[in-house]
Amino acid sequence: MALFEVSHLSRSGMSDISFSLAASGLVCLSGPSGSGKTLLLRALADLDVSDGRVSLAGTERQQFTPVHWRQQVGFLPAESCWWAPLVGDHFPAGQQALFAELGFGEDVSAWHVERLSSGERQRLALARLLVNQPAVLLLDEPTANLDPVNSKKVEHIVLSYLHTRAAVCLWVTHDVQQMERIADRILVLDGKGLCETAA
């Protein structure tokens, strides 16, 4: 049974998108620049207006409050937002194990956000998302600014999370080798719509 279902989704810039995601599955989303991958993630996260049916575990999106939906359907944008000066201000206490998995020391909570590199911001934004324990991860090129070692750390953490939580992930990437490593399925979005290729 599908955990996350999308049927005839339409919004400005795309139309009639349908697919489903099974529990513990990781689906990569690829396609040329400007094809609407980020627009699709934003629509699924209910950040932009869209038409069509989107449901989580059989319950349609309209039955959730916007806040609850965004807790359950977590969106990681390519550029993360930070609203307080210190890293620790963005997290509940007790996240040292998660920080360590992502390659950070115990002092990371005291780091100033302004000193973070783009790669550090990406990894910490992923940690911030996982703390909420969403059922669906919508990840917009989460390893684009990372070196191979840290990219594989992120891949491992996401895959472990999916299997532990029986969650699902839609992961935008242009990296063919990464798709081969992590994807159960590959969806391609182009000007003609959405199609599936062999993983």
C-alpha atoms as a PDB file:
ATOM      1  CA  MET A   1       0.000   0.000   0.000  1.00  0.00           C
ATOM      2  CA  ALA A   2       1.287   3.465  -0.870  1.00  0.00           C
ATOM      3  CA  LEU A   3       2.093   5.751   2.041  1.00  0.00           C
ATOM      4  CA  PHE A   4       2.086   8.928  -0.062  1.00  0.00           C
ATOM      5  CA  GLU A   5      -0.145   9.325  -3.120  1.00  0.00           C
ATOM      6  CA  VAL A   6      -0.333  12.119  -5.672  1.00  0.00           C
ATOM      7  CA  SER A   7      -3.094  12.169  -8.270  1.00  0.00           C
ATOM      8  CA  HIS A   8      -3.525  14.705 -11.093  1.00  0.00           C
ATOM      9  CA  LEU A   9      -1.563  17.415  -9.302  1.00  0.00           C
ATOM     10  CA  SER A  10      -1.511  20.713 -11.183  1.00  0.00           C
ATOM     11  CA  ARG A  11      -0.063  24.121 -10.418  1.00  0.00           C
ATOM     12  CA  SER A  12       1.454  27.021 -12.300  1.00  0.00           C
ATOM     13  CA  GLY A  13       4.218  25.546 -14.449  1.00  0.00           C
ATOM     14  CA  MET A  14       3.057  21.903 -14.454  1.00  0.00           C
ATOM     15  CA  SER A  15      -0.055  19.780 -14.828  1.00  0.00           C
ATOM     16  CA  ASP A  16      -1.463  16.294 -14.302  1.00  0.00           C
ATOM     17  CA  ILE A  17       1.306  14.826 -12.128  1.00  0.00           C
ATOM     18  CA  SER A  18       0.506  11.424 -10.592  1.00  0.00           C
ATOM     19  CA  PHE A  19       2.680   8.955  -8.653  1.00  0.00           C
ATOM     20  CA  SER A  20       2.819   7.090  -5.339  1.00  0.00           C
ATOM     21  CA  LEU A  21       5.534   6.287  -2.790  1.00  0.00           C
ATOM     22  CA  ALA A  22       5.661   3.086  -0.742  1.00  0.00           C
ATOM     23  CA  ALA A  23       6.810   2.997   2.895  1.00  0.00           C
ATOM     24  CA  SER A  24      10.604   2.892   3.378  1.00  0.00           C
ATOM     25  CA  GLY A  25      11.109   3.775  -0.290  1.00  0.00           C
ATOM     26  CA  LEU A  26      13.504   6.319  -1.745  1.00  0.00           C
ATOM     27  CA  VAL A  27      12.564   7.729  -5.140  1.00  0.00           C
ATOM     28  CA  CYS A  28      14.943  10.014  -7.006  1.00  0.00           C
ATOM     29  CA  LEU A  29      13.507  12.842  -9.092  1.00  0.00           C
ATOM     30  CA  SER A  30      15.578  14.101 -12.004  1.00  0.00           C
ATOM     31  CA  GLY A  31      15.091  16.218 -15.088  1.00  0.00           C
ATOM     32  CA  PRO A  32      16.538  19.239 -16.865  1.00  0.00           C
ATOM     33  CA  SER A  33      16.920  22.573 -15.102  1.00  0.00           C
ATOM     34  CA  GLY A  34      13.688  24.526 -15.201  1.00  0.00           C
ATOM     35  CA  SER A  35      11.507  21.432 -15.595  1.00  0.00           C
ATOM     36  CA  GLY A  36       9.670  22.122 -12.335  1.00  0.00           C
ATOM     37  CA  LYS A  37      11.286  19.801  -9.791  1.00  0.00           C
ATOM     38  CA  THR A  38      11.426  22.418  -7.039  1.00  0.00           C
ATOM     39  CA  LEU A  39       7.927  23.634  -7.940  1.00  0.00           C
ATOM     40  CA  LEU A  40       6.668  20.070  -7.499  1.00  0.00           C
ATOM     41  CA  LEU A  41       8.281  19.697  -4.071  1.00  0.00           C
ATOM     42  CA  ARG A  42       6.854  23.027  -2.929  1.00  0.00           C
ATOM     43  CA  ALA A  43       3.374  22.026  -4.100  1.00  0.00           C
ATOM     44  CA  LEU A  44       3.601  18.677  -2.276  1.00  0.00           C
ATOM     45  CA  ALA A  45       4.710  20.475   0.883  1.00  0.00           C
ATOM     46  CA  ASP A  46       1.663  22.775   0.560  1.00  0.00           C
ATOM     47  CA  LEU A  47       3.865  25.852   0.298  1.00  0.00           C
ATOM     48  CA  ASP A  48       2.319  26.886  -3.039  1.00  0.00           C
ATOM     49  CA  VAL A  49      -1.254  26.636  -4.285  1.00  0.00           C
ATOM     50  CA  SER A  50      -2.023  23.493  -6.294  1.00  0.00           C
ATOM     51  CA  ASP A  51      -4.974  21.421  -7.479  1.00  0.00           C
ATOM     52  CA  GLY A  52      -5.362  17.662  -7.414  1.00  0.00           C
ATOM     53  CA  ARG A  53      -5.309  14.984  -4.747  1.00  0.00           C
ATOM     54  CA  VAL A  54      -2.422  14.422  -2.334  1.00  0.00           C
ATOM     55  CA  SER A  55      -2.789  11.982   0.555  1.00  0.00           C
ATOM     56  CA  LEU A  56      -0.689  10.597   3.386  1.00  0.00           C
ATOM     57  CA  ALA A  57      -1.516   7.119   4.722  1.00  0.00           C
ATOM     58  CA  GLY A  58      -4.948   7.364   3.096  1.00  0.00           C
ATOM     59  CA  THR A  59      -5.830  10.766   4.570  1.00  0.00           C
ATOM     60  CA  GLU A  60      -6.154  13.623   2.100  1.00  0.00           C
ATOM     61  CA  ARG A  61      -4.142  16.794   2.554  1.00  0.00           C
ATOM     62  CA  GLN A  62      -7.247  18.894   3.181  1.00  0.00           C
ATOM     63  CA  GLN A  63      -7.905  16.924   6.380  1.00  0.00           C
ATOM     64  CA  PHE A  64      -4.649  18.182   7.932  1.00  0.00           C
ATOM     65  CA  THR A  65      -3.986  21.637   9.296  1.00  0.00           C
ATOM     66  CA  PRO A  66      -1.231  23.348   7.282  1.00  0.00           C
ATOM     67  CA  VAL A  67       1.143  23.148  10.252  1.00  0.00           C
ATOM     68  CA  HIS A  68       0.522  19.430  10.821  1.00  0.00           C
ATOM     69  CA  TRP A  69       0.897  18.653   7.114  1.00  0.00           C
ATOM     70  CA  ARG A  70       4.259  20.439   6.961  1.00  0.00           C
ATOM     71  CA  GLN A  71       5.425  18.554  10.045  1.00  0.00           C
ATOM     72  CA  GLN A  72       4.521  15.248   8.414  1.00  0.00           C
ATOM     73  CA  VAL A  73       5.668  16.199   4.904  1.00  0.00           C
ATOM     74  CA  GLY A  74       9.070  17.764   5.465  1.00  0.00           C
ATOM     75  CA  PHE A  75      10.639  19.909   2.740  1.00  0.00           C
ATOM     76  CA  LEU A  76      14.385  20.583   2.603  1.00  0.00           C
ATOM     77  CA  PRO A  77      15.026  23.420   0.119  1.00  0.00           C
ATOM     78  CA  ALA A  78      18.296  23.825  -1.734  1.00  0.00           C
ATOM     79  CA  GLU A  79      18.887  27.025   0.272  1.00  0.00           C
ATOM     80  CA  SER A  80      17.944  26.709   3.942  1.00  0.00           C
ATOM     81  CA  CYS A  81      16.696  29.546   6.149  1.00  0.00           C
ATOM     82  CA  TRP A  82      18.133  30.348   9.575  1.00  0.00           C
ATOM     83  CA  TRP A  83      16.477  32.813  11.931  1.00  0.00           C
ATOM     84  CA  ALA A  84      18.671  32.850  15.072  1.00  0.00           C
ATOM     85  CA  PRO A  85      22.389  33.547  15.533  1.00  0.00           C
ATOM     86  CA  LEU A  86      23.527  30.175  16.938  1.00  0.00           C
ATOM     87  CA  VAL A  87      23.100  26.674  15.502  1.00  0.00           C
ATOM     88  CA  GLY A  88      21.782  25.375  18.822  1.00  0.00           C
ATOM     89  CA  ASP A  89      18.967  27.938  18.799  1.00  0.00           C
ATOM     90  CA  HIS A  90      17.367  25.939  15.956  1.00  0.00           C
ATOM     91  CA  PHE A  91      17.303  22.571  17.742  1.00  0.00           C
ATOM     92  CA  PRO A  92      15.826  21.015  20.871  1.00  0.00           C
ATOM     93  CA  ALA A  93      18.393  19.786  23.387  1.00  0.00           C
ATOM     94  CA  GLY A  94      19.992  16.368  23.084  1.00  0.00           C
ATOM     95  CA  GLN A  95      20.843  16.162  19.374  1.00  0.00           C
ATOM     96  CA  GLN A  96      24.549  15.315  19.790  1.00  0.00           C
ATOM     97  CA  ALA A  97      24.186  11.806  18.322  1.00  0.00           C
ATOM     98  CA  LEU A  98      22.550  13.181  15.176  1.00  0.00           C
ATOM     99  CA  PHE A  99      25.184  15.902  14.872  1.00  0.00           C
ATOM    100  CA  ALA A 100      27.932  13.287  15.218  1.00  0.00           C
ATOM    101  CA  GLU A 101      26.391  11.149  12.467  1.00  0.00           C
ATOM    102  CA  LEU A 102      26.631  14.151  10.176  1.00  0.00           C
ATOM    103  CA  GLY A 103      30.276  14.739  11.070  1.00  0.00           C
ATOM    104  CA  PHE A 104      29.966  17.549  13.638  1.00  0.00           C
ATOM    105  CA  GLY A 105      31.612  17.805  17.057  1.00  0.00           C
ATOM    106  CA  GLU A 106      29.907  18.462  20.389  1.00  0.00           C
ATOM    107  CA  ASP A 107      30.542  22.201  20.096  1.00  0.00           C
ATOM    108  CA  VAL A 108      28.430  22.678  16.953  1.00  0.00           C
ATOM    109  CA  SER A 109      25.480  24.016  18.970  1.00  0.00           C
ATOM    110  CA  ALA A 110      27.592  27.026  19.913  1.00  0.00           C
ATOM    111  CA  TRP A 111      28.625  27.803  16.344  1.00  0.00           C
ATOM    112  CA  HIS A 112      27.422  31.037  14.793  1.00  0.00           C
ATOM    113  CA  VAL A 113      25.213  30.418  11.772  1.00  0.00           C
ATOM    114  CA  GLU A 114      27.018  33.129   9.809  1.00  0.00           C
ATOM    115  CA  ARG A 115      30.274  31.114   9.913  1.00  0.00           C
ATOM    116  CA  LEU A 116      28.743  27.988   8.371  1.00  0.00           C
ATOM    117  CA  SER A 117      29.793  26.923   4.892  1.00  0.00           C
ATOM    118  CA  SER A 118      27.079  26.069   2.375  1.00  0.00           C
ATOM    119  CA  GLY A 119      27.768  22.359   2.911  1.00  0.00           C
ATOM    120  CA  GLU A 120      27.534  22.676   6.697  1.00  0.00           C
ATOM    121  CA  ARG A 121      24.253  24.535   6.322  1.00  0.00           C
ATOM    122  CA  GLN A 122      22.881  21.739   4.140  1.00  0.00           C
ATOM    123  CA  ARG A 123      23.813  19.003   6.605  1.00  0.00           C
ATOM    124  CA  LEU A 124      22.466  20.893   9.605  1.00  0.00           C
ATOM    125  CA  ALA A 125      19.264  21.787   7.754  1.00  0.00           C
ATOM    126  CA  LEU A 126      18.735  18.067   7.153  1.00  0.00           C
ATOM    127  CA  ALA A 127      19.280  17.399  10.863  1.00  0.00           C
ATOM    128  CA  ARG A 128      16.738  20.101  11.706  1.00  0.00           C
ATOM    129  CA  LEU A 129      14.222  18.440   9.388  1.00  0.00           C
ATOM    130  CA  LEU A 130      14.745  14.942  10.814  1.00  0.00           C
ATOM    131  CA  VAL A 131      14.226  16.146  14.390  1.00  0.00           C
ATOM    132  CA  ASN A 132      10.539  16.660  13.487  1.00  0.00           C
ATOM    133  CA  GLN A 133      10.296  12.976  12.423  1.00  0.00           C
ATOM    134  CA  PRO A 134       8.298  13.563   9.219  1.00  0.00           C
ATOM    135  CA  ALA A 135       6.688  10.639   7.398  1.00  0.00           C
ATOM    136  CA  VAL A 136       7.692  12.096   4.013  1.00  0.00           C
ATOM    137  CA  LEU A 137      11.021  13.713   3.112  1.00  0.00           C
ATOM    138  CA  LEU A 138      11.102  16.078   0.132  1.00  0.00           C
ATOM    139  CA  LEU A 139      14.800  16.793  -0.441  1.00  0.00           C
ATOM    140  CA  ASP A 140      15.900  19.334  -3.048  1.00  0.00           C
ATOM    141  CA  GLU A 141      19.480  18.393  -4.007  1.00  0.00           C
ATOM    142  CA  PRO A 142      20.552  17.811  -0.371  1.00  0.00           C
ATOM    143  CA  THR A 143      24.145  16.880  -1.276  1.00  0.00           C
ATOM    144  CA  ALA A 144      24.781  19.404  -4.055  1.00  0.00           C
ATOM    145  CA  ASN A 145      27.421  21.322  -2.051  1.00  0.00           C
ATOM    146  CA  LEU A 146      28.993  18.344  -0.274  1.00  0.00           C
ATOM    147  CA  ASP A 147      32.187  16.406  -0.896  1.00  0.00           C
ATOM    148  CA  PRO A 148      31.887  12.654  -1.587  1.00  0.00           C
ATOM    149  CA  VAL A 149      32.507  11.658   2.051  1.00  0.00           C
ATOM    150  CA  ASN A 150      29.797  13.914   3.463  1.00  0.00           C
ATOM    151  CA  SER A 151      27.441  13.084   0.595  1.00  0.00           C
ATOM    152  CA  LYS A 152      27.601   9.430   1.556  1.00  0.00           C
ATOM    153  CA  LYS A 153      27.040  10.301   5.230  1.00  0.00           C
ATOM    154  CA  VAL A 154      23.842  12.097   4.249  1.00  0.00           C
ATOM    155  CA  GLU A 155      22.751   9.201   2.041  1.00  0.00           C
ATOM    156  CA  HIS A 156      23.332   6.732   4.891  1.00  0.00           C
ATOM    157  CA  ILE A 157      21.434   8.825   7.429  1.00  0.00           C
ATOM    158  CA  VAL A 158      18.443   9.288   5.130  1.00  0.00           C
ATOM    159  CA  LEU A 159      18.288   5.598   4.188  1.00  0.00           C
ATOM    160  CA  SER A 160      18.553   4.568   7.847  1.00  0.00           C
ATOM    161  CA  TYR A 161      15.807   7.025   8.777  1.00  0.00           C
ATOM    162  CA  LEU A 162      13.480   5.680   6.075  1.00  0.00           C
ATOM    163  CA  HIS A 163      13.882   2.082   7.214  1.00  0.00           C
ATOM    164  CA  THR A 164      13.656   2.902  10.927  1.00  0.00           C
ATOM    165  CA  ARG A 165      10.564   5.109  10.574  1.00  0.00           C
ATOM    166  CA  ALA A 166       8.956   3.371   7.547  1.00  0.00           C
ATOM    167  CA  ALA A 167       9.032   6.843   5.982  1.00  0.00           C
ATOM    168  CA  VAL A 168       9.367   7.769   2.300  1.00  0.00           C
ATOM    169  CA  CYS A 169      11.633  10.148   0.409  1.00  0.00           C
ATOM    170  CA  LEU A 170      11.481  12.058  -2.871  1.00  0.00           C
ATOM    171  CA  TRP A 171      15.092  13.140  -3.530  1.00  0.00           C
ATOM    172  CA  VAL A 172      15.950  15.598  -6.313  1.00  0.00           C
ATOM    173  CA  THR A 173      19.362  14.954  -7.854  1.00  0.00           C
ATOM    174  CA  HIS A 174      21.218  15.203 -11.162  1.00  0.00           C
ATOM    175  CA  ASP A 175      23.935  12.777 -10.002  1.00  0.00           C
ATOM    176  CA  VAL A 176      23.527   9.527 -11.948  1.00  0.00           C
ATOM    177  CA  GLN A 177      25.932   7.609  -9.700  1.00  0.00           C
ATOM    178  CA  GLN A 178      24.019   8.754  -6.640  1.00  0.00           C
ATOM    179  CA  MET A 179      20.758   7.560  -8.157  1.00  0.00           C
ATOM    180  CA  GLU A 180      22.315   4.163  -8.774  1.00  0.00           C
ATOM    181  CA  ARG A 181      23.423   3.971  -5.120  1.00  0.00           C
ATOM    182  CA  ILE A 182      20.262   5.031  -3.346  1.00  0.00           C
ATOM    183  CA  ALA A 183      17.152   4.937  -5.550  1.00  0.00           C
ATOM    184  CA  ASP A 184      14.451   2.295  -5.479  1.00  0.00           C
ATOM    185  CA  ARG A 185      12.834   4.120  -8.409  1.00  0.00           C
ATOM    186  CA  ILE A 186      13.723   7.062 -10.629  1.00  0.00           C
ATOM    187  CA  LEU A 187      11.177   9.617 -11.844  1.00  0.00           C
ATOM    188  CA  VAL A 188      12.031  12.090 -14.586  1.00  0.00           C
ATOM    189  CA  LEU A 189      10.210  15.402 -14.928  1.00  0.00           C
ATOM    190  CA  ASP A 190      10.454  17.193 -18.258  1.00  0.00           C
ATOM    191  CA  GLY A 191       8.347  19.510 -20.346  1.00  0.00           C
ATOM    192  CA  LYS A 192       6.019  16.657 -21.295  1.00  0.00           C
ATOM    193  CA  GLY A 193       5.263  15.487 -17.750  1.00  0.00           C
ATOM    194  CA  LEU A 194       6.477  12.815 -15.339  1.00  0.00           C
ATOM    195  CA  CYS A 195       7.782   9.412 -16.390  1.00  0.00           C
ATOM    196  CA  GLU A 196       9.536   6.544 -14.621  1.00  0.00           C
ATOM    197  CA  THR A 197      12.833   4.944 -15.616  1.00  0.00           C
ATOM    198  CA  ALA A 198      14.541   1.802 -14.325  1.00  0.00           C
ATOM    199  CA  ALA A 199      16.552   2.333 -11.137  1.00  0.00           C
END
